[in-house]
Amino acid sequence: MKAAAASTTEMSPRPKKQRCCEGRFSGQIFKPNGIPMRNIQQISLFRDELEALRLCDLEGLFQEQAGERMGVSRGTVQRLLASARRKTAEALVSGAALVLAGEEEDGTAECRDQETAAAS
């Protein structure tokens, strides 16, 4: 009985690393025109996903550069981009609402002065 209890110890995941995001988009919703929100599916796009999308697709940064700006690894940026692109495509194709979630919901922070601090 004791051996079974010892083997069932749970491993907890690593804590989520703070992600630096510049824009404040919390609460904005993009949805098809003329359809009430209560009648359509809602897809949450988190602030760090939107930031990765903005940096790589809008500003044209490489994933490694975006990772430096956000304070995360290139692999994390790659995963955020894949998720953001999939959610955006799903919302456009299926006519769902894309809901931009805030930092209180996804653990991100605003880090506008990160480059200034890194240069010091």
C-alpha atoms as a PDB file:
ATOM      1  CA  MET A   1       0.000   0.000   0.000  1.00  0.00           C
ATOM      2  CA  LYS A   2       2.816   2.409   0.868  1.00  0.00           C
ATOM      3  CA  ALA A   3       4.647   1.661  -2.378  1.00  0.00           C
ATOM      4  CA  ALA A   4       1.554   2.549  -4.408  1.00  0.00           C
ATOM      5  CA  ALA A   5       1.199   5.886  -2.648  1.00  0.00           C
ATOM      6  CA  ALA A   6       4.839   6.765  -3.313  1.00  0.00           C
ATOM      7  CA  SER A   7       4.563   6.010  -7.031  1.00  0.00           C
ATOM      8  CA  THR A   8       1.552   8.281  -7.536  1.00  0.00           C
ATOM      9  CA  THR A   9       3.372  11.537  -6.793  1.00  0.00           C
ATOM     10  CA  GLU A  10       2.334  14.230  -9.204  1.00  0.00           C
ATOM     11  CA  MET A  11       4.767  16.355 -11.141  1.00  0.00           C
ATOM     12  CA  SER A  12       3.749  19.951 -11.578  1.00  0.00           C
ATOM     13  CA  PRO A  13       4.576  21.822 -14.786  1.00  0.00           C
ATOM     14  CA  ARG A  14       7.164  24.572 -14.872  1.00  0.00           C
ATOM     15  CA  PRO A  15       5.784  28.016 -14.092  1.00  0.00           C
ATOM     16  CA  LYS A  16       4.918  30.052 -17.182  1.00  0.00           C
ATOM     17  CA  LYS A  17       7.645  32.548 -18.049  1.00  0.00           C
ATOM     18  CA  GLN A  18       6.615  36.230 -18.046  1.00  0.00           C
ATOM     19  CA  ARG A  19       6.008  37.384 -21.628  1.00  0.00           C
ATOM     20  CA  CYS A  20       6.441  40.995 -22.660  1.00  0.00           C
ATOM     21  CA  CYS A  21       3.670  42.375 -24.859  1.00  0.00           C
ATOM     22  CA  GLU A  22       3.364  45.970 -26.015  1.00  0.00           C
ATOM     23  CA  GLY A  23      -0.235  46.496 -27.082  1.00  0.00           C
ATOM     24  CA  ARG A  24      -3.361  46.766 -24.949  1.00  0.00           C
ATOM     25  CA  PHE A  25      -6.044  44.863 -26.793  1.00  0.00           C
ATOM     26  CA  SER A  26      -7.977  43.300 -23.947  1.00  0.00           C
ATOM     27  CA  GLY A  27     -11.705  43.096 -24.491  1.00  0.00           C
ATOM     28  CA  GLN A  28     -11.704  43.772 -28.226  1.00  0.00           C
ATOM     29  CA  ILE A  29     -13.777  41.391 -30.309  1.00  0.00           C
ATOM     30  CA  PHE A  30     -13.739  40.802 -34.049  1.00  0.00           C
ATOM     31  CA  LYS A  31     -16.831  39.037 -35.321  1.00  0.00           C
ATOM     32  CA  PRO A  32     -18.992  38.708 -38.416  1.00  0.00           C
ATOM     33  CA  ASN A  33     -21.222  41.734 -38.971  1.00  0.00           C
ATOM     34  CA  GLY A  34     -24.906  41.416 -38.129  1.00  0.00           C
ATOM     35  CA  ILE A  35     -24.732  38.305 -35.946  1.00  0.00           C
ATOM     36  CA  PRO A  36     -25.257  38.727 -32.173  1.00  0.00           C
ATOM     37  CA  MET A  37     -22.427  37.432 -29.970  1.00  0.00           C
ATOM     38  CA  ARG A  38     -24.762  35.008 -28.224  1.00  0.00           C
ATOM     39  CA  ASN A  39     -25.330  33.202 -31.552  1.00  0.00           C
ATOM     40  CA  ILE A  40     -21.719  32.545 -32.571  1.00  0.00           C
ATOM     41  CA  GLN A  41     -18.742  30.568 -31.311  1.00  0.00           C
ATOM     42  CA  GLN A  42     -16.073  32.582 -29.485  1.00  0.00           C
ATOM     43  CA  ILE A  43     -12.353  31.873 -29.890  1.00  0.00           C
ATOM     44  CA  SER A  44      -9.931  33.455 -27.396  1.00  0.00           C
ATOM     45  CA  LEU A  45      -6.700  34.878 -28.801  1.00  0.00           C
ATOM     46  CA  PHE A  46      -4.327  35.551 -25.927  1.00  0.00           C
ATOM     47  CA  ARG A  47      -2.172  38.642 -25.691  1.00  0.00           C
ATOM     48  CA  ASP A  48       1.118  36.754 -26.160  1.00  0.00           C
ATOM     49  CA  GLU A  49      -0.251  35.021 -29.276  1.00  0.00           C
ATOM     50  CA  LEU A  50      -1.290  38.366 -30.752  1.00  0.00           C
ATOM     51  CA  GLU A  51       2.095  39.891 -29.873  1.00  0.00           C
ATOM     52  CA  ALA A  52       3.975  37.075 -31.632  1.00  0.00           C
ATOM     53  CA  LEU A  53       1.700  37.496 -34.657  1.00  0.00           C
ATOM     54  CA  ARG A  54       2.256  41.271 -34.678  1.00  0.00           C
ATOM     55  CA  LEU A  55       6.023  41.049 -34.352  1.00  0.00           C
ATOM     56  CA  CYS A  56       6.572  38.313 -36.950  1.00  0.00           C
ATOM     57  CA  ASP A  57       3.812  38.870 -39.499  1.00  0.00           C
ATOM     58  CA  LEU A  58       3.235  42.633 -39.273  1.00  0.00           C
ATOM     59  CA  GLU A  59       6.683  43.961 -38.327  1.00  0.00           C
ATOM     60  CA  GLY A  60       8.533  41.227 -40.249  1.00  0.00           C
ATOM     61  CA  LEU A  61      10.839  40.147 -37.416  1.00  0.00           C
ATOM     62  CA  PHE A  62      12.388  36.707 -37.381  1.00  0.00           C
ATOM     63  CA  GLN A  63      11.127  34.406 -34.631  1.00  0.00           C
ATOM     64  CA  GLU A  64      14.407  34.712 -32.727  1.00  0.00           C
ATOM     65  CA  GLN A  65      14.166  38.529 -32.794  1.00  0.00           C
ATOM     66  CA  ALA A  66      10.533  38.386 -31.665  1.00  0.00           C
ATOM     67  CA  GLY A  67      11.544  36.060 -28.844  1.00  0.00           C
ATOM     68  CA  GLU A  68      14.163  38.545 -27.660  1.00  0.00           C
ATOM     69  CA  ARG A  69      11.586  41.348 -27.653  1.00  0.00           C
ATOM     70  CA  MET A  70       9.085  39.203 -25.752  1.00  0.00           C
ATOM     71  CA  GLY A  71      11.620  37.689 -23.356  1.00  0.00           C
ATOM     72  CA  VAL A  72      10.982  34.098 -24.482  1.00  0.00           C
ATOM     73  CA  SER A  73      12.715  31.479 -26.629  1.00  0.00           C
ATOM     74  CA  ARG A  74      12.366  31.137 -30.389  1.00  0.00           C
ATOM     75  CA  GLY A  75      10.563  27.837 -29.845  1.00  0.00           C
ATOM     76  CA  THR A  76       7.961  29.552 -27.663  1.00  0.00           C
ATOM     77  CA  VAL A  77       7.410  32.189 -30.353  1.00  0.00           C
ATOM     78  CA  GLN A  78       6.998  29.411 -32.921  1.00  0.00           C
ATOM     79  CA  ARG A  79       4.312  27.725 -30.791  1.00  0.00           C
ATOM     80  CA  LEU A  80       2.541  31.055 -30.128  1.00  0.00           C
ATOM     81  CA  LEU A  81       2.519  31.870 -33.853  1.00  0.00           C
ATOM     82  CA  ALA A  82       1.142  28.470 -34.801  1.00  0.00           C
ATOM     83  CA  SER A  83      -1.633  28.804 -32.236  1.00  0.00           C
ATOM     84  CA  ALA A  84      -2.476  32.404 -33.216  1.00  0.00           C
ATOM     85  CA  ARG A  85      -2.566  31.597 -36.928  1.00  0.00           C
ATOM     86  CA  ARG A  86      -4.734  28.512 -36.370  1.00  0.00           C
ATOM     87  CA  LYS A  87      -7.208  30.441 -34.194  1.00  0.00           C
ATOM     88  CA  THR A  88      -7.373  33.366 -36.615  1.00  0.00           C
ATOM     89  CA  ALA A  89      -7.913  31.084 -39.599  1.00  0.00           C
ATOM     90  CA  GLU A  90     -10.579  29.113 -37.725  1.00  0.00           C
ATOM     91  CA  ALA A  91     -12.441  32.301 -36.806  1.00  0.00           C
ATOM     92  CA  LEU A  92     -12.349  33.626 -40.382  1.00  0.00           C
ATOM     93  CA  VAL A  93     -13.345  30.356 -42.029  1.00  0.00           C
ATOM     94  CA  SER A  94     -16.047  29.319 -39.558  1.00  0.00           C
ATOM     95  CA  GLY A  95     -17.488  32.792 -38.904  1.00  0.00           C
ATOM     96  CA  ALA A  96     -16.569  32.729 -35.210  1.00  0.00           C
ATOM     97  CA  ALA A  97     -15.796  35.734 -33.015  1.00  0.00           C
ATOM     98  CA  LEU A  98     -12.131  36.326 -32.203  1.00  0.00           C
ATOM     99  CA  VAL A  99     -11.968  37.574 -28.604  1.00  0.00           C
ATOM    100  CA  LEU A 100      -8.724  39.260 -27.514  1.00  0.00           C
ATOM    101  CA  ALA A 101      -7.975  38.176 -23.950  1.00  0.00           C
ATOM    102  CA  GLY A 102      -6.123  40.378 -21.472  1.00  0.00           C
ATOM    103  CA  GLU A 103      -2.991  39.872 -19.379  1.00  0.00           C
ATOM    104  CA  GLU A 104      -4.957  38.908 -16.297  1.00  0.00           C
ATOM    105  CA  GLU A 105      -6.162  35.898 -18.256  1.00  0.00           C
ATOM    106  CA  ASP A 106      -2.884  34.746 -19.836  1.00  0.00           C
ATOM    107  CA  GLY A 107      -0.050  35.861 -17.539  1.00  0.00           C
ATOM    108  CA  THR A 108       1.610  38.393 -19.842  1.00  0.00           C
ATOM    109  CA  ALA A 109       2.986  41.787 -18.954  1.00  0.00           C
ATOM    110  CA  GLU A 110       3.588  45.044 -20.735  1.00  0.00           C
ATOM    111  CA  CYS A 111       7.333  45.550 -21.280  1.00  0.00           C
ATOM    112  CA  ARG A 112       7.770  48.632 -23.458  1.00  0.00           C
ATOM    113  CA  ASP A 113      11.137  49.471 -21.869  1.00  0.00           C
ATOM    114  CA  GLN A 114      12.718  46.034 -22.319  1.00  0.00           C
ATOM    115  CA  GLU A 115      15.006  47.162 -25.170  1.00  0.00           C
ATOM    116  CA  THR A 116      16.109  50.193 -23.156  1.00  0.00           C
ATOM    117  CA  ALA A 117      16.897  47.995 -20.148  1.00  0.00           C
ATOM    118  CA  ALA A 118      18.744  45.445 -22.322  1.00  0.00           C
ATOM    119  CA  ALA A 119      20.891  48.212 -23.858  1.00  0.00           C
ATOM    120  CA  SER A 120      22.036  49.395 -20.383  1.00  0.00           C
END
